[in-house]
Amino acid sequence: MARYPTVTLTLLIAAAGGLGLLAYGHRPARDHRPAAETAPAFVGREACARCHTDEARLWTGSHHDLAMQVADDQSVRGAFDGSLFTYDGVTSRFYRRDGKYLVWTDGPDGAMHEYEVAYTFGVDPLQQYLIAFPGGRYQALDIAWDARPATRGGQRWYHLHADEHVGPGDVLHWTGAALNWNDRCARCHSTNLRKGYRPEEDRYETTWSELDVSCEACHGPGSAHVAWARGDRTRDVIGKGLTVDLVDRPSAAWVSGGPAGIAHRSVQRTAHAEIETCAPCHARRAELSDGALPGRPLLDDYVPALLEDGLYFPDGQIQDEVYEYGSFLQSRMYRAGVTCSDCHDPHSLRVRADGNALCTRCHAPERFDSVEHHFHRADSGGARCVACHMPARKYM
C-alpha cells in the first residue's frame, strides 16, 4: 500500500521536460469560451435534459450520476443495522436512529465517538461514507462497504488498509489528510467544484454546482449553448455555444479489413479534447489550480505522474494506482487513434459490448478470438482478451 503521495520540486521539473514526450504532437483542446465579461454559467442537468433526453436517460443511474449522494434510504447500500466491524482492536458499529445513518468509531483523538453520515461516496464495487468535521471539512470513513454480490465475496464491511496499522494521527487514518474529501476526492465526484481552502483560517468553503458528475462536468458551463438552442442570435456564437468541442473525429470511421486483421481510422485523429476531458479524473496527477474548467489543455491545470519506479512495472504495466490515462498514452490503441468513447459509452459509461465482443469490433475474431491466438480453451478465463492485454489489479 502506497503511503500518502507528495508532489516535490523534482516532480515538477521532470514534468516540465519529461511530459513533453507524452504530450508531443497534441493539439490543445479547443476552447470556445467567450471573453470573461460574457463567460457562460452553469445551468444544471435539467436544462440539458429538456433537449438531450436520450443522453439523460443513459446517464441516469450511471457511476457519474451516483458518484456522490445525500445519505438516505435510496443511496446508502451498507448494512446500518447494528453491524459490528473490528479493525486493529477498534470495534466500530453501524446503525440508524431517527432516520439518520450513524457510526460509532474512533476519532482523531483515539476516543470513540458517534458520527452522522452526511453523504455516500461511490456506489460499486465499494461505497464509502463522508462525515462532516469542523472547518468545512468532510472525511471519508476508511471502513467501506463491499457492494459486490455476496456470491463474489461482497455485502460486507472491510477496511481499506487491512494489512497495515493505521491509527489516529496517521495520515491514512480516516480523520487524516489522505482521506479529506475537500482536497483529495471532491474534484472528481461533483460538478464545478471549488475547494475554497482558506489557509489563513485553515478551513474550507467548498462549493459545487451539482453534487454528482453531471453534464457540465464534461461539456463545460452550458448557458451559452442553452441560449443558442432557444434561438438567441444576438451575438456571435462559436460551436453552438458549447464550451468544449468533444468531436475528436469528424468524418472519421473505423475501417475493417487489411492483412493485419485490425481496423484503422479513415481519417487521422488531430484533436485531443475528448481524451483530455476524461484525463483529469482518470489520471494520477497533481493539481496546479482550483476550479479548472473543461476545455483547457490538461497541462495548464494538472501535472500527470510520469513513468516512475513504483508506479509502473518495467514493461509499462500499472503497478500502483495510476488510473487509466498514463497507461493509455503508452498503448498502441492510442497511437492508432482510439479515444475513450470508442470503447465506452460516454453517458452510461458502460462498455459498448461485453467480453471479447468489445475487442472484436476492431480486431478480426477469426484471427484474434481463436485458440491459435490465445492458446486457451474457448470458454476459459485465459481466452479473455483482457486476461493478457489488460490484467486487473486491486487497490481498495
Protein backbone atom coordinates (compact mmCIF):
# COMPACT_ATOMS: atom_id res chain seq x y z
CA MET A 1 0.00 0.00 0.00
CA ALA A 2 1.50 3.31 -1.06
CA ARG A 3 1.68 5.95 1.64
CA TYR A 4 0.43 9.50 1.27
CA PRO A 5 1.73 10.84 -2.07
CA THR A 6 3.66 14.09 -2.18
CA VAL A 7 4.45 16.48 -5.00
CA THR A 8 8.05 17.60 -4.99
CA LEU A 9 10.07 20.11 -6.93
CA THR A 10 11.77 17.18 -8.63
CA LEU A 11 8.40 16.00 -9.98
CA LEU A 12 7.56 19.43 -11.32
CA ILE A 13 10.93 19.77 -13.05
CA ALA A 14 10.62 16.28 -14.50
CA ALA A 15 7.13 17.07 -15.70
CA ALA A 16 8.29 20.18 -17.50
CA GLY A 17 10.74 18.17 -19.58
CA GLY A 18 9.56 14.58 -19.49
CA LEU A 19 5.89 15.11 -20.19
CA GLY A 20 6.81 16.63 -23.49
CA LEU A 21 7.49 13.07 -24.61
CA LEU A 22 3.96 12.01 -23.68
CA ALA A 23 2.21 15.11 -24.96
CA TYR A 24 4.25 15.65 -28.13
CA GLY A 25 2.04 16.35 -31.10
CA HIS A 26 -1.06 17.18 -29.06
CA ARG A 27 -3.22 19.97 -30.32
CA PRO A 28 -4.78 21.68 -27.28
CA ALA A 29 -8.47 21.13 -26.72
CA ARG A 30 -10.45 23.83 -28.46
CA ASP A 31 -11.82 26.35 -26.01
CA HIS A 32 -14.96 28.13 -27.20
CA ARG A 33 -15.34 30.26 -24.09
CA PRO A 34 -16.00 33.92 -24.87
CA ALA A 35 -14.41 36.81 -23.05
CA ALA A 36 -14.64 36.89 -19.26
CA GLU A 37 -17.39 39.50 -19.21
CA THR A 38 -19.70 37.14 -21.10
CA ALA A 39 -18.37 33.83 -19.78
CA PRO A 40 -21.05 31.11 -19.76
CA ALA A 41 -22.55 29.95 -16.49
CA PHE A 42 -23.52 26.51 -15.20
CA VAL A 43 -27.21 25.83 -15.77
CA GLY A 44 -27.75 22.31 -14.36
CA ARG A 45 -28.75 18.98 -15.84
CA GLU A 46 -32.44 19.81 -16.12
CA ALA A 47 -31.69 22.45 -18.75
CA CYS A 48 -29.72 19.87 -20.76
CA ALA A 49 -32.25 17.05 -20.38
CA ARG A 50 -35.07 19.07 -21.97
CA CYS A 51 -33.47 18.51 -25.38
CA HIS A 52 -31.00 15.68 -24.78
CA THR A 53 -33.44 13.09 -23.46
CA ASP A 54 -31.57 10.02 -24.71
CA GLU A 55 -28.30 11.15 -23.18
CA ALA A 56 -30.02 11.98 -19.88
CA ARG A 57 -31.65 8.55 -19.82
CA LEU A 58 -28.32 6.80 -20.35
CA TRP A 59 -26.60 8.93 -17.70
CA THR A 60 -29.29 8.33 -15.05
CA GLY A 61 -28.10 5.60 -12.71
CA SER A 62 -24.55 5.64 -14.07
CA HIS A 63 -21.47 5.81 -11.85
CA HIS A 64 -21.23 9.51 -12.71
CA ASP A 65 -24.82 10.06 -11.61
CA LEU A 66 -24.23 8.16 -8.35
CA ALA A 67 -20.72 9.46 -7.66
CA MET A 68 -21.87 11.35 -4.56
CA GLN A 69 -25.32 11.45 -2.97
CA VAL A 70 -27.04 12.66 0.16
CA ALA A 71 -27.19 9.74 2.60
CA ASP A 72 -30.76 8.41 2.62
CA ASP A 73 -32.78 5.24 2.11
CA GLN A 74 -32.21 5.34 -1.65
CA SER A 75 -28.46 5.95 -1.68
CA VAL A 76 -27.00 4.02 1.27
CA ARG A 77 -26.03 0.44 0.39
CA GLY A 78 -24.18 -0.55 3.56
CA ALA A 79 -25.68 -2.52 6.45
CA PHE A 80 -26.50 0.13 9.08
CA ASP A 81 -28.37 -2.44 11.14
CA GLY A 82 -26.20 -2.61 14.24
CA SER A 83 -23.41 -4.39 12.37
CA LEU A 84 -20.04 -4.54 14.11
CA PHE A 85 -16.63 -4.40 12.44
CA THR A 86 -13.32 -4.80 14.26
CA TYR A 87 -10.02 -3.48 12.92
CA ASP A 88 -6.76 -3.28 14.86
CA GLY A 89 -8.52 -3.62 18.20
CA VAL A 90 -11.19 -1.00 17.46
CA THR A 91 -14.78 -2.24 17.09
CA SER A 92 -16.99 0.11 15.09
CA ARG A 93 -20.77 -0.08 14.95
CA PHE A 94 -23.09 0.96 12.10
CA TYR A 95 -26.69 1.78 12.96
CA ARG A 96 -29.66 4.09 12.38
CA ARG A 97 -31.62 6.40 14.64
CA ASP A 98 -34.35 8.91 13.79
CA GLY A 99 -33.74 8.41 10.07
CA LYS A 100 -30.01 9.16 10.39
CA TYR A 101 -27.14 6.86 9.42
CA LEU A 102 -24.65 6.71 12.29
CA VAL A 103 -21.22 5.24 13.02
CA TRP A 104 -19.64 4.63 16.42
CA THR A 105 -15.90 4.58 15.81
CA ASP A 106 -12.55 6.07 16.82
CA GLY A 107 -11.98 9.77 16.18
CA PRO A 108 -8.84 11.89 15.74
CA ASP A 109 -8.21 11.80 19.49
CA GLY A 110 -8.34 8.00 19.63
CA ALA A 111 -11.57 8.00 21.67
CA MET A 112 -14.84 6.51 20.46
CA HIS A 113 -17.46 8.93 19.15
CA GLU A 114 -20.77 8.87 17.31
CA TYR A 115 -20.68 10.34 13.80
CA GLU A 116 -23.51 11.02 11.37
CA VAL A 117 -23.05 10.08 7.70
CA ALA A 118 -23.72 13.11 5.51
CA TYR A 119 -23.07 11.71 2.01
CA THR A 120 -22.43 8.45 0.21
CA PHE A 121 -19.35 8.33 -1.98
CA GLY A 122 -19.35 5.98 -4.94
CA VAL A 123 -21.65 3.04 -5.46
CA ASP A 124 -19.88 -0.02 -6.92
CA PRO A 125 -17.79 -2.08 -6.30
CA LEU A 126 -17.48 -0.23 -3.00
CA GLN A 127 -19.23 2.61 -1.24
CA GLN A 128 -17.62 5.00 1.23
CA TYR A 129 -19.27 7.42 3.64
CA LEU A 130 -18.50 11.09 4.26
CA ILE A 131 -18.69 12.67 7.70
CA ALA A 132 -18.70 16.40 8.45
CA PHE A 133 -15.96 17.90 10.61
CA PRO A 134 -15.25 21.44 11.83
CA GLY A 135 -13.64 23.85 9.41
CA GLY A 136 -15.84 22.86 6.48
CA ARG A 137 -14.08 19.52 6.16
CA TYR A 138 -15.59 16.20 5.17
CA GLN A 139 -13.70 13.00 5.88
CA ALA A 140 -14.14 9.65 4.11
CA LEU A 141 -14.51 6.76 6.54
CA ASP A 142 -11.82 4.13 5.94
CA ILE A 143 -14.25 1.30 6.66
CA ALA A 144 -16.09 0.83 3.36
CA TRP A 145 -18.99 -1.29 2.20
CA ASP A 146 -18.18 -4.00 -0.35
CA ALA A 147 -21.14 -3.56 -2.71
CA ARG A 148 -20.45 -6.64 -4.82
CA PRO A 149 -22.90 -9.57 -4.58
CA ALA A 150 -22.36 -11.96 -1.69
CA THR A 151 -21.55 -14.70 -4.21
CA ARG A 152 -18.47 -12.69 -5.20
CA GLY A 153 -17.38 -12.03 -1.63
CA GLY A 154 -19.25 -8.76 -1.18
CA GLN A 155 -22.06 -7.44 1.05
CA ARG A 156 -19.68 -6.87 3.96
CA TRP A 157 -17.75 -4.15 5.76
CA TYR A 158 -13.99 -4.07 5.22
CA HIS A 159 -11.06 -1.77 5.99
CA LEU A 160 -9.17 -0.02 3.19
CA HIS A 161 -5.84 -0.64 4.94
CA ALA A 162 -6.50 -4.10 6.31
CA ASP A 163 -2.83 -5.12 6.18
CA GLU A 164 -1.48 -2.02 7.94
CA HIS A 165 -1.70 -0.44 11.36
CA VAL A 166 -3.41 2.91 10.77
CA GLY A 167 -4.36 4.74 13.94
CA PRO A 168 -5.27 8.30 14.92
CA GLY A 169 -2.55 10.73 13.91
CA ASP A 170 -1.57 8.65 10.87
CA VAL A 171 -2.10 10.49 7.60
CA LEU A 172 -4.02 7.43 6.32
CA HIS A 173 -6.41 7.37 9.29
CA TRP A 174 -9.88 8.35 8.16
CA THR A 175 -9.60 11.66 10.01
CA GLY A 176 -6.23 12.45 8.37
CA ALA A 177 -5.28 14.47 5.31
CA ALA A 178 -5.21 11.50 2.91
CA LEU A 179 -8.94 10.88 3.37
CA ASN A 180 -10.01 14.51 3.38
CA TRP A 181 -12.81 14.83 0.82
CA ASN A 182 -12.33 18.52 0.04
CA ASP A 183 -8.73 18.17 -1.12
CA ARG A 184 -8.30 14.54 -2.12
CA CYS A 185 -11.62 13.35 -3.56
CA ALA A 186 -14.16 16.06 -4.29
CA ARG A 187 -12.86 17.30 -7.65
CA CYS A 188 -13.85 14.13 -9.49
CA HIS A 189 -17.16 13.37 -7.81
CA SER A 190 -19.00 16.69 -8.28
CA THR A 191 -19.57 19.34 -10.96
CA ASN A 192 -17.93 22.79 -10.98
CA LEU A 193 -16.23 22.15 -7.68
CA ARG A 194 -14.20 24.83 -5.93
CA LYS A 195 -12.21 23.62 -2.94
CA GLY A 196 -12.20 27.08 -1.41
CA TYR A 197 -9.39 26.45 1.05
CA ARG A 198 -8.69 29.45 3.31
CA PRO A 199 -5.10 28.95 4.52
CA GLU A 200 -5.17 31.88 6.92
CA GLU A 201 -8.01 30.16 8.79
CA ASP A 202 -7.15 26.55 7.88
CA ARG A 203 -10.70 25.91 6.74
CA TYR A 204 -12.63 25.04 3.59
CA GLU A 205 -15.53 26.83 1.94
CA THR A 206 -16.08 24.18 -0.73
CA THR A 207 -18.80 24.80 -3.32
CA TRP A 208 -20.23 22.96 -6.32
CA SER A 209 -22.94 23.41 -8.93
CA GLU A 210 -24.19 19.82 -8.77
CA LEU A 211 -23.42 17.16 -6.22
CA ASP A 212 -22.51 14.45 -8.74
CA VAL A 213 -20.68 14.25 -12.09
CA SER A 214 -23.31 15.83 -14.30
CA CYS A 215 -23.46 17.07 -17.91
CA GLU A 216 -21.39 20.21 -17.43
CA ALA A 217 -18.57 18.36 -15.66
CA CYS A 218 -17.50 17.21 -19.14
CA HIS A 219 -19.23 19.64 -21.52
CA GLY A 220 -18.48 22.77 -19.50
CA PRO A 221 -20.89 25.53 -18.42
CA GLY A 222 -23.91 25.46 -20.71
CA SER A 223 -25.68 28.82 -20.57
CA ALA A 224 -24.40 29.97 -23.98
CA HIS A 225 -25.46 26.68 -25.56
CA VAL A 226 -28.91 26.91 -23.98
CA ALA A 227 -29.27 30.46 -25.29
CA TRP A 228 -28.25 29.27 -28.78
CA ALA A 229 -30.75 26.39 -28.61
CA ARG A 230 -33.51 28.85 -27.72
CA GLY A 231 -32.73 30.93 -30.78
CA ASP A 232 -30.62 33.70 -29.24
CA ARG A 233 -28.58 35.14 -32.11
CA THR A 234 -27.80 38.49 -30.52
CA ARG A 235 -24.07 37.78 -30.59
CA ASP A 236 -21.68 35.57 -32.50
CA VAL A 237 -21.58 32.08 -31.02
CA ILE A 238 -18.89 29.60 -31.98
CA GLY A 239 -19.68 25.90 -31.95
CA LYS A 240 -23.35 26.30 -30.95
CA GLY A 241 -22.25 27.95 -27.72
CA LEU A 242 -20.63 24.78 -26.40
CA THR A 243 -17.69 25.33 -24.09
CA VAL A 244 -15.89 22.18 -25.21
CA ASP A 245 -15.81 20.62 -28.67
CA LEU A 246 -15.75 16.88 -27.97
CA VAL A 247 -15.91 15.76 -31.60
CA ASP A 248 -12.50 14.12 -31.90
CA ARG A 249 -13.04 12.52 -35.27
CA PRO A 250 -15.16 14.50 -37.73
CA SER A 251 -15.84 12.42 -40.85
CA ALA A 252 -13.73 9.58 -39.45
CA ALA A 253 -14.74 5.93 -39.33
CA TRP A 254 -13.11 2.67 -38.34
CA VAL A 255 -12.45 0.59 -41.46
CA SER A 256 -12.14 -3.18 -41.08
CA GLY A 257 -10.01 -5.46 -43.18
CA GLY A 258 -6.40 -5.44 -44.23
CA PRO A 259 -3.72 -8.10 -43.80
CA ALA A 260 -3.31 -7.45 -40.04
CA GLY A 261 -6.99 -8.04 -39.30
CA ILE A 262 -7.18 -4.80 -37.29
CA ALA A 263 -9.45 -1.86 -38.13
CA HIS A 264 -7.88 1.50 -38.90
CA ARG A 265 -9.17 5.06 -38.88
CA SER A 266 -10.19 6.53 -42.19
CA VAL A 267 -9.01 9.96 -41.00
CA GLN A 268 -6.10 10.55 -38.65
CA ARG A 269 -7.01 11.92 -35.23
CA THR A 270 -5.93 15.53 -34.80
CA ALA A 271 -7.91 16.66 -31.74
CA HIS A 272 -7.49 15.53 -28.14
CA ALA A 273 -10.37 17.31 -26.41
CA GLU A 274 -12.21 14.11 -25.51
CA ILE A 275 -9.19 12.37 -24.01
CA GLU A 276 -8.12 15.48 -22.11
CA THR A 277 -11.65 15.94 -20.76
CA CYS A 278 -11.56 12.44 -19.25
CA ALA A 279 -7.92 12.63 -18.14
CA PRO A 280 -8.17 14.91 -15.07
CA CYS A 281 -10.21 12.28 -13.22
CA HIS A 282 -8.69 9.22 -14.87
CA ALA A 283 -5.03 10.04 -14.30
CA ARG A 284 -2.72 10.11 -11.34
CA ARG A 285 -1.82 13.76 -11.24
CA ALA A 286 -1.16 16.82 -9.13
CA GLU A 287 -3.36 19.91 -9.38
CA LEU A 288 -1.96 23.33 -10.24
CA SER A 289 -5.16 25.35 -9.77
CA ASP A 290 -8.53 25.34 -8.06
CA GLY A 291 -11.55 25.24 -10.32
CA ALA A 292 -10.15 24.15 -13.68
CA LEU A 293 -12.86 24.10 -16.35
CA PRO A 294 -13.33 21.54 -19.14
CA GLY A 295 -11.84 22.61 -22.45
CA ARG A 296 -8.48 23.79 -21.16
CA PRO A 297 -5.32 21.89 -22.14
CA LEU A 298 -4.62 19.27 -19.49
CA LEU A 299 -1.14 20.55 -18.65
CA ASP A 300 -2.47 24.04 -17.88
CA ASP A 301 -4.05 22.74 -14.68
CA TYR A 302 -2.55 19.32 -13.92
CA VAL A 303 0.80 17.52 -13.74
CA PRO A 304 0.30 13.85 -14.65
CA ALA A 305 2.59 11.33 -12.97
CA LEU A 306 5.46 10.10 -15.11
CA LEU A 307 6.65 6.53 -15.69
CA GLU A 308 8.22 6.33 -12.26
CA ASP A 309 9.53 3.31 -10.41
CA GLY A 310 6.84 2.07 -8.05
CA LEU A 311 4.02 3.40 -10.20
CA TYR A 312 4.61 1.23 -13.28
CA PHE A 313 6.32 -2.08 -13.88
CA PRO A 314 9.39 -2.06 -16.18
CA ASP A 315 7.24 -3.15 -19.13
CA GLY A 316 4.87 -0.20 -18.63
CA GLN A 317 2.01 -2.05 -16.96
CA ILE A 318 0.38 -0.45 -13.94
CA GLN A 319 1.84 -1.24 -10.53
CA ASP A 320 0.37 1.35 -8.18
CA GLU A 321 -2.99 3.11 -8.52
CA VAL A 322 -2.31 5.27 -11.58
CA TYR A 323 -5.77 5.02 -13.19
CA GLU A 324 -6.01 4.89 -16.99
CA TYR A 325 -4.57 7.95 -18.72
CA GLY A 326 -0.84 7.31 -18.38
CA SER A 327 -1.16 3.69 -19.49
CA PHE A 328 -3.45 4.61 -22.39
CA LEU A 329 -0.93 7.13 -23.74
CA GLN A 330 1.65 4.34 -23.93
CA SER A 331 -0.64 2.00 -25.84
CA ARG A 332 -0.84 1.05 -29.49
CA MET A 333 -4.53 1.85 -29.36
CA TYR A 334 -3.79 5.47 -28.53
CA ARG A 335 -1.27 5.69 -31.37
CA ALA A 336 -3.85 4.19 -33.72
CA GLY A 337 -6.31 6.97 -32.88
CA VAL A 338 -8.62 5.22 -30.40
CA THR A 339 -10.46 7.52 -27.99
CA CYS A 340 -12.28 6.77 -24.73
CA SER A 341 -15.73 6.71 -26.35
CA ASP A 342 -14.68 4.12 -28.93
CA CYS A 343 -14.97 1.53 -26.15
CA HIS A 344 -17.14 3.29 -23.53
CA ASP A 345 -20.50 4.98 -23.94
CA PRO A 346 -19.75 8.47 -22.57
CA HIS A 347 -23.12 8.81 -20.83
CA SER A 348 -23.91 5.37 -19.41
CA LEU A 349 -20.15 4.64 -19.05
CA ARG A 350 -20.83 1.03 -19.98
CA VAL A 351 -18.55 -0.68 -22.48
CA ARG A 352 -20.06 -0.90 -25.95
CA ALA A 353 -20.02 -4.71 -25.98
CA ASP A 354 -19.42 -7.45 -23.42
CA GLY A 355 -16.38 -9.69 -23.14
CA ASN A 356 -14.27 -10.35 -26.21
CA ALA A 357 -17.01 -8.85 -28.38
CA LEU A 358 -15.75 -5.42 -27.36
CA CYS A 359 -12.30 -6.15 -28.79
CA THR A 360 -13.52 -7.94 -31.90
CA ARG A 361 -15.32 -4.80 -33.02
CA CYS A 362 -11.89 -3.79 -34.36
CA HIS A 363 -9.83 -7.00 -34.14
CA ALA A 364 -10.96 -9.74 -36.54
CA PRO A 365 -12.47 -12.51 -34.35
CA GLU A 366 -11.41 -15.33 -36.67
CA ARG A 367 -7.81 -14.27 -36.11
CA PHE A 368 -7.70 -12.95 -32.55
CA ASP A 369 -10.59 -14.67 -30.73
CA SER A 370 -9.23 -18.10 -31.55
CA VAL A 371 -7.31 -20.87 -29.81
CA GLU A 372 -4.47 -20.32 -32.28
CA HIS A 373 -4.06 -16.80 -30.90
CA HIS A 374 -4.70 -17.10 -27.15
CA PHE A 375 -3.79 -20.82 -26.68
CA HIS A 376 -6.62 -21.39 -24.20
CA ARG A 377 -9.86 -23.32 -24.23
CA ALA A 378 -12.53 -21.06 -25.71
CA ASP A 379 -14.72 -20.99 -22.58
CA SER A 380 -11.86 -20.44 -20.12
CA GLY A 381 -10.70 -17.31 -18.34
CA GLY A 382 -7.44 -17.40 -20.27
CA ALA A 383 -9.34 -16.94 -23.53
CA ARG A 384 -10.50 -13.47 -22.45
CA CYS A 385 -8.60 -10.71 -24.25
CA VAL A 386 -8.22 -8.69 -21.05
CA ALA A 387 -6.58 -11.60 -19.23
CA CYS A 388 -3.34 -10.85 -21.08
CA HIS A 389 -3.80 -7.39 -22.55
CA MET A 390 -5.48 -5.63 -19.61
CA PRO A 391 -4.81 -7.55 -16.38
CA ALA A 392 -6.57 -6.13 -13.32
CA ARG A 393 -5.05 -5.04 -10.02
CA LYS A 394 -6.91 -4.50 -6.75
CA TYR A 395 -6.24 -1.33 -4.74
CA MET A 396 -9.14 -0.88 -2.33
